Amino acid sequence: MYSLKRLRLLREVSTRGSLAAAAAALGQDPSSVSHQLKALEAEVGAPLLERVGRGVRLTEEALILVTRTEAVLSELEAAEAEIAEARHEVSGTVRIAAFQTALHTIVPGALARLNRDHPDLTVETTHIRAEDGIPSLLSRDFDLVIEENYPSRPARRAEGVETETLGDDELCLITPAAGRELVASERPAAGGEPTAVGPSLAECAHHSWAMEPADTHAGHWSRAECRRAGFEPDVTTESSDVVFLVRLVASGLASALVPRLALHAAAMSTGTEPTEVAIGRLPEPANRRISTAIRRGSARTPRIIALRDALRAEFFRP
């Protein structure tokens, strides 16, 4: 029977793309990984890696082994979940990854709930680009990731991943508050005060823009929304730090398209008040969908269930 330890090494090479990257991910020396894979080749009786320039490519036999290894690991994860479920234990370590606004607004409260209700559970938290979440989950770097799904770029469902929707987060046009226009709302707020709103997106064609990079879900949606409104945005600032984008708008230096949670994150982390920006009008209301994603085999694990429950409770907390 083939060594599962060596099969996992081969899977890491497949996932990471190189021997060096696999070794780094596992905290091992590249020469040790190479030696163990040669031993696996001897077990299999066929070459598993082919040199391609400075990298390597998996052979047909290696790809068969990787596919079967994924199935074995999923079954082992499911077995671990069933045993933990039978023992009713919410303990051990769970690793989660989330994008910036979720870390600022949802995760801290969820961690506090878990610390109070399940003191034997250790949660390791990492900030990650939303685009890297599912690949990192499948690489088994994390046990749960919080992902986002923008309307202009729906996420493709990955095999072996189970998602659960937390809810929708409104996407907003924000402009400097100094240029806002006061108009009467259809349903005035308590006290009959007018609602402060900014201009429409089309009216902001001449503005400077602060946006997330074009290769991100948010950056792609922002640029597509501007083009839909009839103009190419003049992007003078590009950053994945959406709290920074909100602060630029509050300082009167740009306009931006951001999720509503970004405004909450800015208020919580920097003291930037919502009154310092004006909420403008998009051609049509839009939302990003926020979900938790796990590997299917871990769905019954008590610590995963507890983590999802805490995140859900925090998302819907008034």
Protein backbone atom coordinates (compact mmCIF):
# COMPACT_ATOMS: atom_id res chain seq x y z
CA MET A 1 0.00 0.00 0.00
CA TYR A 2 1.27 3.47 -0.86
CA SER A 3 2.43 5.77 1.96
CA LEU A 4 -0.31 8.33 2.76
CA LYS A 5 2.35 10.74 4.01
CA ARG A 6 4.08 10.66 0.62
CA LEU A 7 0.79 10.87 -1.23
CA ARG A 8 0.04 14.08 0.68
CA LEU A 9 3.40 15.46 -0.39
CA LEU A 10 2.54 14.74 -4.02
CA ARG A 11 -0.82 16.44 -3.55
CA GLU A 12 0.92 19.50 -2.12
CA VAL A 13 3.19 19.71 -5.18
CA SER A 14 0.11 19.52 -7.39
CA THR A 15 -1.66 22.23 -5.39
CA ARG A 16 1.30 24.58 -4.93
CA GLY A 17 2.87 24.16 -8.36
CA SER A 18 6.46 23.38 -7.36
CA LEU A 19 8.60 21.34 -4.98
CA ALA A 20 9.87 24.49 -3.26
CA ALA A 21 6.37 25.87 -2.65
CA ALA A 22 5.15 22.52 -1.33
CA ALA A 23 8.14 22.26 0.99
CA ALA A 24 7.57 25.81 2.28
CA ALA A 25 3.89 25.12 2.94
CA LEU A 26 4.76 21.99 4.90
CA GLY A 27 7.72 23.50 6.72
CA GLN A 28 10.11 20.95 5.21
CA ASP A 29 13.37 21.10 3.33
CA PRO A 30 12.94 20.85 -0.50
CA SER A 31 15.57 18.10 -0.68
CA SER A 32 13.59 16.06 1.87
CA VAL A 33 10.39 16.45 -0.18
CA SER A 34 12.26 15.42 -3.34
CA HIS A 35 13.70 12.36 -1.58
CA GLN A 36 10.28 11.23 -0.33
CA LEU A 37 8.70 11.67 -3.75
CA LYS A 38 11.43 9.52 -5.29
CA ALA A 39 10.57 6.88 -2.71
CA LEU A 40 6.90 7.15 -3.76
CA GLU A 41 7.93 6.72 -7.40
CA ALA A 42 9.69 3.50 -6.39
CA GLU A 43 6.49 2.33 -4.64
CA VAL A 44 4.37 3.15 -7.67
CA GLY A 45 6.85 1.86 -10.23
CA ALA A 46 6.33 4.84 -12.52
CA PRO A 47 7.67 8.41 -12.83
CA LEU A 48 5.50 11.00 -11.10
CA LEU A 49 7.19 14.30 -12.00
CA GLU A 50 8.58 15.67 -15.27
CA ARG A 51 10.94 18.61 -15.53
CA VAL A 52 9.49 21.59 -17.43
CA GLY A 53 11.97 24.46 -17.56
CA ARG A 54 12.70 25.31 -13.92
CA GLY A 55 9.52 23.71 -12.67
CA VAL A 56 7.87 20.31 -12.66
CA ARG A 57 4.76 18.79 -14.17
CA LEU A 58 2.80 15.84 -12.82
CA THR A 59 2.61 12.74 -14.98
CA GLU A 60 -0.65 10.98 -15.79
CA GLU A 61 0.06 8.44 -13.03
CA ALA A 62 0.66 11.25 -10.54
CA LEU A 63 -2.63 12.94 -11.43
CA ILE A 64 -4.47 9.67 -10.78
CA LEU A 65 -2.83 9.43 -7.36
CA VAL A 66 -3.67 13.05 -6.49
CA THR A 67 -7.35 12.53 -7.35
CA ARG A 68 -7.52 9.42 -5.19
CA THR A 69 -5.61 11.15 -2.38
CA GLU A 70 -8.21 13.94 -2.30
CA ALA A 71 -10.93 11.34 -1.89
CA VAL A 72 -9.02 9.62 0.93
CA LEU A 73 -8.39 12.89 2.77
CA SER A 74 -12.06 13.86 2.47
CA GLU A 75 -13.11 10.52 3.93
CA LEU A 76 -10.65 10.89 6.80
CA GLU A 77 -11.92 14.40 7.48
CA ALA A 78 -15.51 13.10 7.50
CA ALA A 79 -14.49 10.33 9.93
CA GLU A 80 -12.87 12.88 12.23
CA ALA A 81 -16.06 14.96 12.11
CA GLU A 82 -18.26 11.97 12.99
CA ILE A 83 -16.06 10.98 15.94
CA ALA A 84 -16.05 14.53 17.30
CA GLU A 85 -19.81 14.71 16.81
CA ALA A 86 -20.29 11.45 18.73
CA ARG A 87 -18.21 12.82 21.61
CA HIS A 88 -20.03 16.19 21.54
CA GLU A 89 -16.72 18.03 21.73
CA VAL A 90 -16.23 21.64 20.68
CA SER A 91 -12.49 21.76 21.15
CA GLY A 92 -9.20 21.69 19.30
CA THR A 93 -8.06 24.24 16.72
CA VAL A 94 -9.98 25.68 13.78
CA ARG A 95 -8.32 27.90 11.17
CA ILE A 96 -10.33 30.61 9.44
CA ALA A 97 -9.53 33.21 6.78
CA ALA A 98 -11.51 36.31 5.86
CA PHE A 99 -11.28 39.48 3.81
CA GLN A 100 -10.76 42.89 5.42
CA THR A 101 -14.28 44.16 6.04
CA ALA A 102 -15.39 40.83 7.53
CA LEU A 103 -12.38 40.87 9.86
CA HIS A 104 -13.25 44.37 11.05
CA THR A 105 -16.99 43.86 11.52
CA ILE A 106 -18.06 40.21 11.80
CA VAL A 107 -15.12 38.18 13.05
CA PRO A 108 -14.21 39.94 16.36
CA GLY A 109 -17.67 39.51 17.84
CA ALA A 110 -17.84 35.90 16.65
CA LEU A 111 -14.48 35.17 18.29
CA ALA A 112 -15.71 36.71 21.52
CA ARG A 113 -18.80 34.48 21.45
CA LEU A 114 -16.69 31.39 20.86
CA ASN A 115 -14.25 32.33 23.62
CA ARG A 116 -17.15 32.71 26.03
CA ASP A 117 -19.17 29.63 25.01
CA HIS A 118 -16.39 27.22 23.99
CA PRO A 119 -13.24 27.98 26.00
CA ASP A 120 -11.55 24.75 24.85
CA LEU A 121 -11.68 25.86 21.21
CA THR A 122 -8.70 27.70 19.69
CA VAL A 123 -9.39 29.83 16.61
CA GLU A 124 -6.52 30.89 14.34
CA THR A 125 -7.50 33.83 12.13
CA THR A 126 -5.82 35.09 8.96
CA HIS A 127 -6.45 38.07 6.68
CA ILE A 128 -6.62 36.94 3.06
CA ARG A 129 -7.69 38.35 -0.29
CA ALA A 130 -11.24 37.23 -1.06
CA GLU A 131 -10.00 35.82 -4.38
CA ASP A 132 -7.57 33.51 -2.57
CA GLY A 133 -10.10 32.10 -0.12
CA ILE A 134 -11.43 29.01 -1.91
CA PRO A 135 -8.03 27.93 -3.33
CA SER A 136 -6.56 28.17 0.19
CA LEU A 137 -9.48 26.20 1.61
CA LEU A 138 -8.96 23.44 -0.96
CA SER A 139 -5.23 23.49 -0.18
CA ARG A 140 -6.22 22.78 3.44
CA ASP A 141 -4.52 25.93 4.68
CA PHE A 142 -7.79 26.83 6.43
CA ASP A 143 -10.88 25.01 7.70
CA LEU A 144 -13.33 27.81 6.90
CA VAL A 145 -13.14 30.92 4.75
CA ILE A 146 -15.52 33.85 4.52
CA GLU A 147 -16.08 34.56 0.84
CA GLU A 148 -17.79 37.28 -1.17
CA ASN A 149 -19.71 37.07 -4.44
CA TYR A 150 -20.13 40.21 -6.55
CA PRO A 151 -22.98 40.56 -9.06
CA SER A 152 -20.70 41.10 -12.08
CA ARG A 153 -18.54 38.05 -11.39
CA PRO A 154 -20.48 35.15 -9.82
CA ALA A 155 -18.24 32.61 -8.13
CA ARG A 156 -17.89 29.17 -9.68
CA ARG A 157 -18.73 26.38 -7.27
CA ALA A 158 -15.68 24.32 -6.44
CA GLU A 159 -15.95 20.55 -6.14
CA GLY A 160 -15.94 19.41 -2.52
CA VAL A 161 -16.81 22.85 -1.09
CA GLU A 162 -20.00 23.58 0.84
CA THR A 163 -21.14 27.19 1.23
CA GLU A 164 -23.69 28.76 3.53
CA THR A 165 -24.95 32.28 2.94
CA LEU A 166 -24.57 34.75 5.79
CA GLY A 167 -26.41 37.53 3.99
CA ASP A 168 -26.20 40.39 1.51
CA ASP A 169 -24.10 43.52 1.93
CA GLU A 170 -25.30 46.62 0.09
CA LEU A 171 -22.89 48.10 -2.45
CA CYS A 172 -22.69 51.89 -2.22
CA LEU A 173 -21.47 54.90 -4.14
CA ILE A 174 -19.80 57.25 -1.67
CA THR A 175 -18.69 60.81 -2.35
CA PRO A 176 -17.23 63.54 -0.10
CA ALA A 177 -19.92 64.87 2.23
CA ALA A 178 -19.06 68.48 1.36
CA GLY A 179 -20.64 67.99 -2.05
CA ARG A 180 -23.78 66.25 -0.88
CA GLU A 181 -27.25 67.37 -1.72
CA LEU A 182 -30.08 67.35 0.83
CA VAL A 183 -33.36 66.05 -0.52
CA ALA A 184 -36.55 65.03 1.19
CA SER A 185 -36.92 61.28 1.52
CA GLU A 186 -40.14 59.48 0.70
CA ARG A 187 -40.31 58.35 4.32
CA PRO A 188 -38.56 60.96 6.50
CA ALA A 189 -36.51 59.73 9.41
CA ALA A 190 -37.71 60.34 12.95
CA GLY A 191 -38.02 64.07 13.51
CA GLY A 192 -38.78 64.75 9.84
CA GLU A 193 -35.19 65.58 8.93
CA PRO A 194 -34.21 65.31 5.24
CA THR A 195 -32.03 62.41 4.14
CA ALA A 196 -28.51 63.27 2.97
CA VAL A 197 -27.71 61.70 -0.40
CA GLY A 198 -24.98 62.27 -2.91
CA PRO A 199 -25.17 62.55 -6.68
CA SER A 200 -25.97 59.70 -9.05
CA LEU A 201 -23.14 57.62 -10.46
CA ALA A 202 -23.47 59.21 -13.91
CA GLU A 203 -23.08 62.65 -12.31
CA CYS A 204 -19.72 61.55 -10.88
CA ALA A 205 -18.09 60.86 -14.25
CA HIS A 206 -15.63 63.74 -13.75
CA HIS A 207 -14.57 62.64 -10.24
CA SER A 208 -11.28 61.09 -9.22
CA TRP A 209 -11.82 57.52 -8.07
CA ALA A 210 -10.36 55.27 -5.39
CA MET A 211 -10.89 51.60 -6.24
CA GLU A 212 -9.70 48.14 -5.45
CA PRO A 213 -7.37 46.54 -8.05
CA ALA A 214 -8.97 45.56 -11.35
CA ASP A 215 -8.13 41.88 -10.89
CA THR A 216 -10.24 41.62 -7.73
CA HIS A 217 -13.98 40.89 -7.62
CA ALA A 218 -14.64 44.33 -6.13
CA GLY A 219 -12.39 46.14 -8.60
CA HIS A 220 -13.97 44.39 -11.57
CA TRP A 221 -17.48 45.24 -10.39
CA SER A 222 -16.62 48.91 -9.67
CA ARG A 223 -15.20 49.53 -13.13
CA ALA A 224 -18.04 47.65 -14.82
CA GLU A 225 -20.59 49.73 -12.91
CA CYS A 226 -18.97 52.99 -14.05
CA ARG A 227 -18.88 51.82 -17.68
CA ARG A 228 -22.51 50.85 -17.37
CA ALA A 229 -23.19 54.44 -16.28
CA GLY A 230 -21.45 55.69 -19.44
CA PHE A 231 -17.91 56.62 -18.42
CA GLU A 232 -14.43 55.23 -17.80
CA PRO A 233 -13.40 56.02 -14.21
CA ASP A 234 -10.25 58.07 -13.60
CA VAL A 235 -8.73 55.79 -10.95
CA THR A 236 -6.13 57.86 -9.10
CA THR A 237 -5.82 55.52 -6.12
CA GLU A 238 -5.83 51.73 -6.21
CA SER A 239 -5.78 49.72 -3.00
CA SER A 240 -7.29 46.57 -1.51
CA ASP A 241 -7.55 48.43 1.82
CA VAL A 242 -11.19 49.53 1.64
CA VAL A 243 -10.98 51.35 4.98
CA PHE A 244 -8.28 53.50 3.37
CA LEU A 245 -10.60 54.12 0.40
CA VAL A 246 -13.37 55.32 2.72
CA ARG A 247 -10.95 57.66 4.50
CA LEU A 248 -9.86 59.15 1.17
CA VAL A 249 -13.49 59.90 0.35
CA ALA A 250 -14.09 61.38 3.81
CA SER A 251 -11.04 63.61 3.22
CA GLY A 252 -12.57 64.93 -0.01
CA LEU A 253 -9.91 63.36 -2.26
CA ALA A 254 -11.95 60.85 -4.27
CA SER A 255 -15.21 59.02 -4.72
CA ALA A 256 -15.52 55.26 -4.37
CA LEU A 257 -17.79 52.26 -4.74
CA VAL A 258 -17.65 50.18 -1.57
CA PRO A 259 -19.72 47.70 0.42
CA ARG A 260 -21.79 49.04 3.30
CA LEU A 261 -19.64 47.01 5.71
CA ALA A 262 -16.66 49.13 4.62
CA LEU A 263 -18.35 52.17 6.17
CA HIS A 264 -18.88 50.26 9.42
CA ALA A 265 -15.28 49.03 9.33
CA ALA A 266 -13.97 52.57 8.84
CA ALA A 267 -16.09 53.86 11.71
CA MET A 268 -14.91 51.08 14.03
CA SER A 269 -11.21 51.17 13.17
CA THR A 270 -10.48 54.84 12.46
CA GLY A 271 -13.41 56.82 13.82
CA THR A 272 -14.48 57.89 10.33
CA GLU A 273 -18.16 58.74 10.77
CA PRO A 274 -20.81 57.98 8.12
CA THR A 275 -21.70 61.69 8.13
CA GLU A 276 -18.29 62.44 6.56
CA VAL A 277 -19.35 60.80 3.30
CA ALA A 278 -22.52 61.04 1.24
CA ILE A 279 -24.27 57.98 -0.14
CA GLY A 280 -24.96 58.40 -3.84
CA ARG A 281 -27.30 56.58 -6.21
CA LEU A 282 -26.40 53.60 -8.35
CA PRO A 283 -28.34 52.93 -11.57
CA GLU A 284 -29.81 49.86 -9.83
CA PRO A 285 -29.46 48.60 -6.24
CA ALA A 286 -26.67 46.04 -5.90
CA ASN A 287 -25.34 43.74 -3.19
CA ARG A 288 -22.44 41.41 -2.64
CA ARG A 289 -23.30 38.07 -1.07
CA ILE A 290 -21.23 37.00 1.94
CA SER A 291 -20.93 33.29 2.71
CA THR A 292 -18.94 30.84 4.78
CA ALA A 293 -17.22 28.04 2.87
CA ILE A 294 -15.91 24.75 4.23
CA ARG A 295 -14.77 21.44 2.82
CA ARG A 296 -17.77 19.14 2.56
CA GLY A 297 -16.24 16.42 4.74
CA SER A 298 -16.02 18.76 7.75
CA ALA A 299 -19.66 19.91 7.79
CA ARG A 300 -20.57 17.81 10.86
CA THR A 301 -17.53 18.78 12.91
CA PRO A 302 -18.77 20.43 16.14
CA ARG A 303 -16.12 23.18 16.06
CA ILE A 304 -17.09 24.06 12.47
CA ILE A 305 -20.77 24.13 13.41
CA ALA A 306 -20.01 26.35 16.43
CA LEU A 307 -17.91 28.70 14.31
CA ARG A 308 -20.60 29.04 11.66
CA ASP A 309 -23.25 29.65 14.32
CA ALA A 310 -21.14 32.43 15.88
CA LEU A 311 -20.47 34.11 12.53
CA ARG A 312 -24.16 33.95 11.61
CA ALA A 313 -25.22 35.43 14.94
CA GLU A 314 -22.72 38.26 14.60
CA PHE A 315 -23.73 39.06 11.02
CA PHE A 316 -27.34 39.50 12.08
CA ARG A 317 -26.55 41.29 15.34
CA PRO A 318 -28.36 44.68 15.44
